[in-house]
Amino acid sequence: MKRIISKKSNRIFKPKPCFFHVEKIKYIDYKDVELVSKYINNHGKILSSKITGNCAKHQRLISNVIKRARIMALIPFISERIRK
């Protein structure tokens, strides 16, 4: 894994490992609302891989799973607070 040096503070940041590789999860199910909701912020947007630490493959899978869960009405498109 590549280390990143912050320009402002001269500290070395080590990227997070991919959760799905660490836990050895092979299939991401759209019906698993607890897992899917970890990758959505409080406004209902999908979190980026820089924040979550997912690899590109799993980030694509999780974004498709989130979109599928939204269509099936398991998770909301936007939060209640924003609608008001």
PDB file of N, CA and C in Angstrom:
ATOM      1  N   MET A   1       0.837  -1.176   0.000  1.00  0.00           N
ATOM      2  CA  MET A   1       0.000   0.000   0.000  1.00  0.00           C
ATOM      3  C   MET A   1       0.886   1.245   0.000  1.00  0.00           C
ATOM      4  N   LYS A   2       0.455   2.203  -0.720  1.00  0.00           N
ATOM      5  CA  LYS A   2       1.208   3.416  -0.895  1.00  0.00           C
ATOM      6  C   LYS A   2       0.990   4.357   0.288  1.00  0.00           C
ATOM      7  N   ARG A   3       2.058   4.917   0.785  1.00  0.00           N
ATOM      8  CA  ARG A   3       1.938   5.876   1.871  1.00  0.00           C
ATOM      9  C   ARG A   3       1.805   7.272   1.304  1.00  0.00           C
ATOM     10  N   ILE A   4       1.022   8.080   1.950  1.00  0.00           N
ATOM     11  CA  ILE A   4       0.756   9.429   1.487  1.00  0.00           C
ATOM     12  C   ILE A   4       1.337  10.415   2.496  1.00  0.00           C
ATOM     13  N   ILE A   5       2.102  11.383   2.001  1.00  0.00           N
ATOM     14  CA  ILE A   5       2.683  12.405   2.863  1.00  0.00           C
ATOM     15  C   ILE A   5       1.836  13.660   2.722  1.00  0.00           C
ATOM     16  N   SER A   6       1.314  14.136   3.841  1.00  0.00           N
ATOM     17  CA  SER A   6       0.508  15.341   3.834  1.00  0.00           C
ATOM     18  C   SER A   6       1.416  16.554   3.645  1.00  0.00           C
ATOM     19  N   LYS A   7       1.038  17.458   2.757  1.00  0.00           N
ATOM     20  CA  LYS A   7       1.862  18.634   2.476  1.00  0.00           C
ATOM     21  C   LYS A   7       1.795  19.654   3.603  1.00  0.00           C
ATOM     22  N   LYS A   8       0.667  19.715   4.291  1.00  0.00           N
ATOM     23  CA  LYS A   8       0.510  20.730   5.328  1.00  0.00           C
ATOM     24  C   LYS A   8       1.229  20.361   6.622  1.00  0.00           C
ATOM     25  N   SER A   9       1.140  19.107   7.046  1.00  0.00           N
ATOM     26  CA  SER A   9       1.672  18.758   8.354  1.00  0.00           C
ATOM     27  C   SER A   9       2.903  17.855   8.304  1.00  0.00           C
ATOM     28  N   ASN A  10       3.331  17.424   7.119  1.00  0.00           N
ATOM     29  CA  ASN A  10       4.482  16.543   6.939  1.00  0.00           C
ATOM     30  C   ASN A  10       4.350  15.235   7.710  1.00  0.00           C
ATOM     31  N   ARG A  11       3.113  14.756   7.866  1.00  0.00           N
ATOM     32  CA  ARG A  11       2.884  13.456   8.490  1.00  0.00           C
ATOM     33  C   ARG A  11       2.629  12.431   7.404  1.00  0.00           C
ATOM     34  N   ILE A  12       2.986  11.195   7.690  1.00  0.00           N
ATOM     35  CA  ILE A  12       2.757  10.112   6.744  1.00  0.00           C
ATOM     36  C   ILE A  12       1.465   9.413   7.117  1.00  0.00           C
ATOM     37  N   PHE A  13       0.546   9.323   6.149  1.00  0.00           N
ATOM     38  CA  PHE A  13      -0.726   8.661   6.361  1.00  0.00           C
ATOM     39  C   PHE A  13      -0.709   7.328   5.639  1.00  0.00           C
ATOM     40  N   LYS A  14      -1.102   6.293   6.344  1.00  0.00           N
ATOM     41  CA  LYS A  14      -1.209   4.977   5.746  1.00  0.00           C
ATOM     42  C   LYS A  14      -2.668   4.742   5.377  1.00  0.00           C
ATOM     43  N   PRO A  15      -2.966   4.423   4.110  1.00  0.00           N
ATOM     44  CA  PRO A  15      -4.367   4.238   3.715  1.00  0.00           C
ATOM     45  C   PRO A  15      -5.022   3.060   4.429  1.00  0.00           C
ATOM     46  N   LYS A  16      -6.341   3.165   4.598  1.00  0.00           N
ATOM     47  CA  LYS A  16      -7.089   2.078   5.232  1.00  0.00           C
ATOM     48  C   LYS A  16      -7.127   0.876   4.302  1.00  0.00           C
ATOM     49  N   PRO A  17      -7.072  -0.326   4.848  1.00  0.00           N
ATOM     50  CA  PRO A  17      -7.234  -1.503   3.990  1.00  0.00           C
ATOM     51  C   PRO A  17      -8.700  -1.673   3.597  1.00  0.00           C
ATOM     52  N   CYS A  18      -8.932  -2.342   2.497  1.00  0.00           N
ATOM     53  CA  CYS A  18     -10.286  -2.588   2.024  1.00  0.00           C
ATOM     54  C   CYS A  18     -11.002  -3.513   3.007  1.00  0.00           C
ATOM     55  N   PHE A  19     -12.171  -3.095   3.474  1.00  0.00           N
ATOM     56  CA  PHE A  19     -12.944  -3.861   4.451  1.00  0.00           C
ATOM     57  C   PHE A  19     -13.306  -5.242   3.918  1.00  0.00           C
ATOM     58  N   PHE A  20     -13.622  -5.324   2.644  1.00  0.00           N
ATOM     59  CA  PHE A  20     -14.082  -6.580   2.061  1.00  0.00           C
ATOM     60  C   PHE A  20     -12.945  -7.575   1.877  1.00  0.00           C
ATOM     61  N   HIS A  21     -11.718  -7.086   1.695  1.00  0.00           N
ATOM     62  CA  HIS A  21     -10.567  -7.985   1.635  1.00  0.00           C
ATOM     63  C   HIS A  21     -10.195  -8.483   3.028  1.00  0.00           C
ATOM     64  N   VAL A  22     -10.273  -7.594   4.008  1.00  0.00           N
ATOM     65  CA  VAL A  22      -9.913  -7.967   5.383  1.00  0.00           C
ATOM     66  C   VAL A  22     -10.884  -9.002   5.941  1.00  0.00           C
ATOM     67  N   GLU A  23     -12.186  -8.785   5.737  1.00  0.00           N
ATOM     68  CA  GLU A  23     -13.210  -9.692   6.249  1.00  0.00           C
ATOM     69  C   GLU A  23     -13.479 -10.878   5.318  1.00  0.00           C
ATOM     70  N   LYS A  24     -12.825 -10.883   4.149  1.00  0.00           N
ATOM     71  CA  LYS A  24     -12.976 -11.944   3.145  1.00  0.00           C
ATOM     72  C   LYS A  24     -14.440 -12.135   2.721  1.00  0.00           C
ATOM     73  N   ILE A  25     -15.103 -11.004   2.444  1.00  0.00           N
ATOM     74  CA  ILE A  25     -16.485 -11.024   1.981  1.00  0.00           C
ATOM     75  C   ILE A  25     -16.466 -11.119   0.456  1.00  0.00           C
ATOM     76  N   LYS A  26     -17.102 -12.139  -0.090  1.00  0.00           N
ATOM     77  CA  LYS A  26     -17.098 -12.343  -1.534  1.00  0.00           C
ATOM     78  C   LYS A  26     -18.329 -11.746  -2.205  1.00  0.00           C
ATOM     79  N   TYR A  27     -19.459 -11.729  -1.512  1.00  0.00           N
ATOM     80  CA  TYR A  27     -20.699 -11.255  -2.118  1.00  0.00           C
ATOM     81  C   TYR A  27     -21.302 -10.167  -1.244  1.00  0.00           C
ATOM     82  N   ILE A  28     -21.658  -9.042  -1.857  1.00  0.00           N
ATOM     83  CA  ILE A  28     -22.294  -7.936  -1.149  1.00  0.00           C
ATOM     84  C   ILE A  28     -23.771  -7.957  -1.528  1.00  0.00           C
ATOM     85  N   ASP A  29     -24.627  -8.159  -0.544  1.00  0.00           N
ATOM     86  CA  ASP A  29     -26.059  -8.281  -0.803  1.00  0.00           C
ATOM     87  C   ASP A  29     -26.745  -6.938  -0.574  1.00  0.00           C
ATOM     88  N   TYR A  30     -27.609  -6.554  -1.489  1.00  0.00           N
ATOM     89  CA  TYR A  30     -28.315  -5.276  -1.363  1.00  0.00           C
ATOM     90  C   TYR A  30     -29.339  -5.300  -0.240  1.00  0.00           C
ATOM     91  N   LYS A  31     -29.713  -6.479   0.235  1.00  0.00           N
ATOM     92  CA  LYS A  31     -30.700  -6.575   1.322  1.00  0.00           C
ATOM     93  C   LYS A  31     -30.055  -6.400   2.695  1.00  0.00           C
ATOM     94  N   ASP A  32     -28.723  -6.383   2.760  1.00  0.00           N
ATOM     95  CA  ASP A  32     -28.011  -6.181   4.019  1.00  0.00           C
ATOM     96  C   ASP A  32     -27.911  -4.674   4.279  1.00  0.00           C
ATOM     97  N   VAL A  33     -28.942  -4.125   4.889  1.00  0.00           N
ATOM     98  CA  VAL A  33     -29.064  -2.678   5.050  1.00  0.00           C
ATOM     99  C   VAL A  33     -28.002  -2.125   6.001  1.00  0.00           C
ATOM    100  N   GLU A  34     -27.614  -2.876   7.018  1.00  0.00           N
ATOM    101  CA  GLU A  34     -26.594  -2.406   7.959  1.00  0.00           C
ATOM    102  C   GLU A  34     -25.266  -2.173   7.262  1.00  0.00           C
ATOM    103  N   LEU A  35     -24.854  -3.101   6.438  1.00  0.00           N
ATOM    104  CA  LEU A  35     -23.587  -2.972   5.713  1.00  0.00           C
ATOM    105  C   LEU A  35     -23.660  -1.841   4.694  1.00  0.00           C
ATOM    106  N   VAL A  36     -24.757  -1.762   3.987  1.00  0.00           N
ATOM    107  CA  VAL A  36     -24.910  -0.750   2.945  1.00  0.00           C
ATOM    108  C   VAL A  36     -24.953   0.648   3.551  1.00  0.00           C
ATOM    109  N   SER A  37     -25.583   0.803   4.695  1.00  0.00           N
ATOM    110  CA  SER A  37     -25.721   2.137   5.288  1.00  0.00           C
ATOM    111  C   SER A  37     -24.403   2.675   5.829  1.00  0.00           C
ATOM    112  N   LYS A  38     -23.387   1.839   5.997  1.00  0.00           N
ATOM    113  CA  LYS A  38     -22.067   2.327   6.422  1.00  0.00           C
ATOM    114  C   LYS A  38     -21.412   3.168   5.338  1.00  0.00           C
ATOM    115  N   TYR A  39     -21.808   2.971   4.099  1.00  0.00           N
ATOM    116  CA  TYR A  39     -21.170   3.634   2.971  1.00  0.00           C
ATOM    117  C   TYR A  39     -21.998   4.780   2.423  1.00  0.00           C
ATOM    118  N   ILE A  40     -22.939   5.283   3.235  1.00  0.00           N
ATOM    119  CA  ILE A  40     -23.767   6.431   2.865  1.00  0.00           C
ATOM    120  C   ILE A  40     -23.630   7.479   3.970  1.00  0.00           C
ATOM    121  N   ASN A  41     -23.458   8.755   3.582  1.00  0.00           N
ATOM    122  CA  ASN A  41     -23.375   9.784   4.612  1.00  0.00           C
ATOM    123  C   ASN A  41     -24.773  10.195   5.069  1.00  0.00           C
ATOM    124  N   ASN A  42     -24.853  11.146   5.980  1.00  0.00           N
ATOM    125  CA  ASN A  42     -26.155  11.511   6.553  1.00  0.00           C
ATOM    126  C   ASN A  42     -27.047  12.266   5.569  1.00  0.00           C
ATOM    127  N   HIS A  43     -26.507  12.707   4.434  1.00  0.00           N
ATOM    128  CA  HIS A  43     -27.326  13.349   3.399  1.00  0.00           C
ATOM    129  C   HIS A  43     -27.845  12.338   2.379  1.00  0.00           C
ATOM    130  N   GLY A  44     -27.354  11.106   2.448  1.00  0.00           N
ATOM    131  CA  GLY A  44     -27.800  10.081   1.525  1.00  0.00           C
ATOM    132  C   GLY A  44     -26.866   9.863   0.347  1.00  0.00           C
ATOM    133  N   LYS A  45     -25.701  10.504   0.358  1.00  0.00           N
ATOM    134  CA  LYS A  45     -24.756  10.362  -0.738  1.00  0.00           C
ATOM    135  C   LYS A  45     -23.808   9.189  -0.476  1.00  0.00           C
ATOM    136  N   ILE A  46     -23.305   8.605  -1.551  1.00  0.00           N
ATOM    137  CA  ILE A  46     -22.368   7.485  -1.447  1.00  0.00           C
ATOM    138  C   ILE A  46     -20.995   8.048  -1.087  1.00  0.00           C
ATOM    139  N   LEU A  47     -20.356   7.463  -0.064  1.00  0.00           N
ATOM    140  CA  LEU A  47     -19.041   7.913   0.359  1.00  0.00           C
ATOM    141  C   LEU A  47     -17.976   7.461  -0.635  1.00  0.00           C
ATOM    142  N   SER A  48     -16.931   8.263  -0.800  1.00  0.00           N
ATOM    143  CA  SER A  48     -15.876   7.939  -1.747  1.00  0.00           C
ATOM    144  C   SER A  48     -14.943   6.883  -1.173  1.00  0.00           C
ATOM    145  N   SER A  49     -14.144   6.306  -2.062  1.00  0.00           N
ATOM    146  CA  SER A  49     -13.214   5.261  -1.629  1.00  0.00           C
ATOM    147  C   SER A  49     -12.070   5.835  -0.798  1.00  0.00           C
ATOM    148  N   LYS A  50     -11.798   7.128  -0.941  1.00  0.00           N
ATOM    149  CA  LYS A  50     -10.768   7.758  -0.119  1.00  0.00           C
ATOM    150  C   LYS A  50     -11.185   7.791   1.342  1.00  0.00           C
ATOM    151  N   ILE A  51     -12.471   7.948   1.581  1.00  0.00           N
ATOM    152  CA  ILE A  51     -12.984   7.986   2.957  1.00  0.00           C
ATOM    153  C   ILE A  51     -13.159   6.578   3.508  1.00  0.00           C
ATOM    154  N   THR A  52     -13.741   5.675   2.708  1.00  0.00           N
ATOM    155  CA  THR A  52     -14.039   4.333   3.193  1.00  0.00           C
ATOM    156  C   THR A  52     -12.847   3.400   3.164  1.00  0.00           C
ATOM    157  N   GLY A  53     -11.891   3.647   2.261  1.00  0.00           N
ATOM    158  CA  GLY A  53     -10.730   2.792   2.157  1.00  0.00           C
ATOM    159  C   GLY A  53     -10.935   1.578   1.262  1.00  0.00           C
ATOM    160  N   ASN A  54     -12.033   1.527   0.536  1.00  0.00           N
ATOM    161  CA  ASN A  54     -12.298   0.399  -0.356  1.00  0.00           C
ATOM    162  C   ASN A  54     -11.412   0.462  -1.589  1.00  0.00           C
ATOM    163  N   CYS A  55     -11.109  -0.710  -2.137  1.00  0.00           N
ATOM    164  CA  CYS A  55     -10.404  -0.750  -3.417  1.00  0.00           C
ATOM    165  C   CYS A  55     -11.411  -0.411  -4.521  1.00  0.00           C
ATOM    166  N   ALA A  56     -10.914  -0.208  -5.733  1.00  0.00           N
ATOM    167  CA  ALA A  56     -11.769   0.231  -6.838  1.00  0.00           C
ATOM    168  C   ALA A  56     -12.838  -0.808  -7.167  1.00  0.00           C
ATOM    169  N   LYS A  57     -12.466  -2.067  -7.116  1.00  0.00           N
ATOM    170  CA  LYS A  57     -13.421  -3.136  -7.435  1.00  0.00           C
ATOM    171  C   LYS A  57     -14.597  -3.137  -6.461  1.00  0.00           C
ATOM    172  N   HIS A  58     -14.302  -3.083  -5.178  1.00  0.00           N
ATOM    173  CA  HIS A  58     -15.367  -3.129  -4.184  1.00  0.00           C
ATOM    174  C   HIS A  58     -16.128  -1.807  -4.108  1.00  0.00           C
ATOM    175  N   GLN A  59     -15.484  -0.696  -4.453  1.00  0.00           N
ATOM    176  CA  GLN A  59     -16.198   0.574  -4.480  1.00  0.00           C
ATOM    177  C   GLN A  59     -17.257   0.560  -5.586  1.00  0.00           C
ATOM    178  N   ARG A  60     -16.925  -0.007  -6.736  1.00  0.00           N
ATOM    179  CA  ARG A  60     -17.911  -0.136  -7.814  1.00  0.00           C
ATOM    180  C   ARG A  60     -19.057  -1.044  -7.392  1.00  0.00           C
ATOM    181  N   LEU A  61     -18.716  -2.169  -6.748  1.00  0.00           N
ATOM    182  CA  LEU A  61     -19.759  -3.100  -6.303  1.00  0.00           C
ATOM    183  C   LEU A  61     -20.677  -2.457  -5.269  1.00  0.00           C
ATOM    184  N   ILE A  62     -20.093  -1.753  -4.294  1.00  0.00           N
ATOM    185  CA  ILE A  62     -20.907  -1.161  -3.232  1.00  0.00           C
ATOM    186  C   ILE A  62     -21.783  -0.042  -3.788  1.00  0.00           C
ATOM    187  N   SER A  63     -21.310   0.713  -4.790  1.00  0.00           N
ATOM    188  CA  SER A  63     -22.153   1.764  -5.364  1.00  0.00           C
ATOM    189  C   SER A  63     -23.334   1.161  -6.122  1.00  0.00           C
ATOM    190  N   ASN A  64     -23.110   0.047  -6.829  1.00  0.00           N
ATOM    191  CA  ASN A  64     -24.220  -0.624  -7.511  1.00  0.00           C
ATOM    192  C   ASN A  64     -25.207  -1.222  -6.519  1.00  0.00           C
ATOM    193  N   VAL A  65     -24.703  -1.757  -5.413  1.00  0.00           N
ATOM    194  CA  VAL A  65     -25.572  -2.324  -4.377  1.00  0.00           C
ATOM    195  C   VAL A  65     -26.417  -1.227  -3.736  1.00  0.00           C
ATOM    196  N   ILE A  66     -25.815  -0.063  -3.479  1.00  0.00           N
ATOM    197  CA  ILE A  66     -26.555   1.053  -2.889  1.00  0.00           C
ATOM    198  C   ILE A  66     -27.666   1.516  -3.835  1.00  0.00           C
ATOM    199  N   LYS A  67     -27.342   1.615  -5.112  1.00  0.00           N
ATOM    200  CA  LYS A  67     -28.348   2.033  -6.092  1.00  0.00           C
ATOM    201  C   LYS A  67     -29.486   1.024  -6.181  1.00  0.00           C
ATOM    202  N   ARG A  68     -29.150  -0.254  -6.121  1.00  0.00           N
ATOM    203  CA  ARG A  68     -30.180  -1.297  -6.165  1.00  0.00           C
ATOM    204  C   ARG A  68     -31.059  -1.246  -4.922  1.00  0.00           C
ATOM    205  N   ALA A  69     -30.445  -1.019  -3.753  1.00  0.00           N
ATOM    206  CA  ALA A  69     -31.208  -0.937  -2.510  1.00  0.00           C
ATOM    207  C   ALA A  69     -32.113   0.293  -2.492  1.00  0.00           C
ATOM    208  N   ARG A  70     -31.670   1.383  -3.105  1.00  0.00           N
ATOM    209  CA  ARG A  70     -32.519   2.572  -3.200  1.00  0.00           C
ATOM    210  C   ARG A  70     -33.746   2.301  -4.062  1.00  0.00           C
ATOM    211  N   ILE A  71     -33.538   1.619  -5.177  1.00  0.00           N
ATOM    212  CA  ILE A  71     -34.654   1.322  -6.075  1.00  0.00           C
ATOM    213  C   ILE A  71     -35.654   0.387  -5.400  1.00  0.00           C
ATOM    214  N   MET A  72     -35.168  -0.552  -4.598  1.00  0.00           N
ATOM    215  CA  MET A  72     -36.040  -1.482  -3.892  1.00  0.00           C
ATOM    216  C   MET A  72     -36.636  -0.856  -2.628  1.00  0.00           C
ATOM    217  N   ALA A  73     -36.339   0.407  -2.366  1.00  0.00           N
ATOM    218  CA  ALA A  73     -36.856   1.186  -1.229  1.00  0.00           C
ATOM    219  C   ALA A  73     -36.413   0.626   0.115  1.00  0.00           C
ATOM    220  N   LEU A  74     -35.216   0.032   0.171  1.00  0.00           N
ATOM    221  CA  LEU A  74     -34.669  -0.425   1.443  1.00  0.00           C
ATOM    222  C   LEU A  74     -33.947   0.701   2.165  1.00  0.00           C
ATOM    223  N   ILE A  75     -33.377   1.616   1.411  1.00  0.00           N
ATOM    224  CA  ILE A  75     -32.742   2.809   1.979  1.00  0.00           C
ATOM    225  C   ILE A  75     -33.280   4.023   1.218  1.00  0.00           C
ATOM    226  N   PRO A  76     -33.342   5.192   1.854  1.00  0.00           N
ATOM    227  CA  PRO A  76     -33.900   6.370   1.175  1.00  0.00           C
ATOM    228  C   PRO A  76     -32.905   6.989   0.190  1.00  0.00           C
ATOM    229  N   PHE A  77     -33.432   7.681  -0.800  1.00  0.00           N
ATOM    230  CA  PHE A  77     -32.575   8.406  -1.735  1.00  0.00           C
ATOM    231  C   PHE A  77     -31.935   9.600  -1.044  1.00  0.00           C
ATOM    232  N   ILE A  78     -32.725  10.338  -0.251  1.00  0.00           N
ATOM    233  CA  ILE A  78     -32.213  11.455   0.538  1.00  0.00           C
ATOM    234  C   ILE A  78     -32.764  11.329   1.949  1.00  0.00           C
ATOM    235  N   SER A  79     -32.128  12.016   2.890  1.00  0.00           N
ATOM    236  CA  SER A  79     -32.565  11.897   4.278  1.00  0.00           C
ATOM    237  C   SER A  79     -33.799  12.762   4.538  1.00  0.00           C
ATOM    238  N   GLU A  80     -34.493  12.500   5.619  1.00  0.00           N
ATOM    239  CA  GLU A  80     -35.700  13.242   5.984  1.00  0.00           C
ATOM    240  C   GLU A  80     -35.387  14.708   6.278  1.00  0.00           C
ATOM    241  N   ARG A  81     -34.226  14.964   6.852  1.00  0.00           N
ATOM    242  CA  ARG A  81     -33.861  16.315   7.232  1.00  0.00           C
ATOM    243  C   ARG A  81     -33.726  17.226   6.014  1.00  0.00           C
ATOM    244  N   ILE A  82     -33.267  16.692   4.906  1.00  0.00           N
ATOM    245  CA  ILE A  82     -33.061  17.498   3.712  1.00  0.00           C
ATOM    246  C   ILE A  82     -34.375  17.791   3.014  1.00  0.00           C
ATOM    247  N   ARG A  83     -35.329  16.904   3.116  1.00  0.00           N
ATOM    248  CA  ARG A  83     -36.617  17.097   2.443  1.00  0.00           C
ATOM    249  C   ARG A  83     -37.368  18.298   2.974  1.00  0.00           C
ATOM    250  N   LYS A  84     -37.183  18.647   4.245  1.00  0.00           N
ATOM    251  CA  LYS A  84     -37.954  19.734   4.869  1.00  0.00           C
ATOM    252  C   LYS A  84     -37.494  21.086   4.467  1.00  0.00           C
TER     253      LYS A  84
END
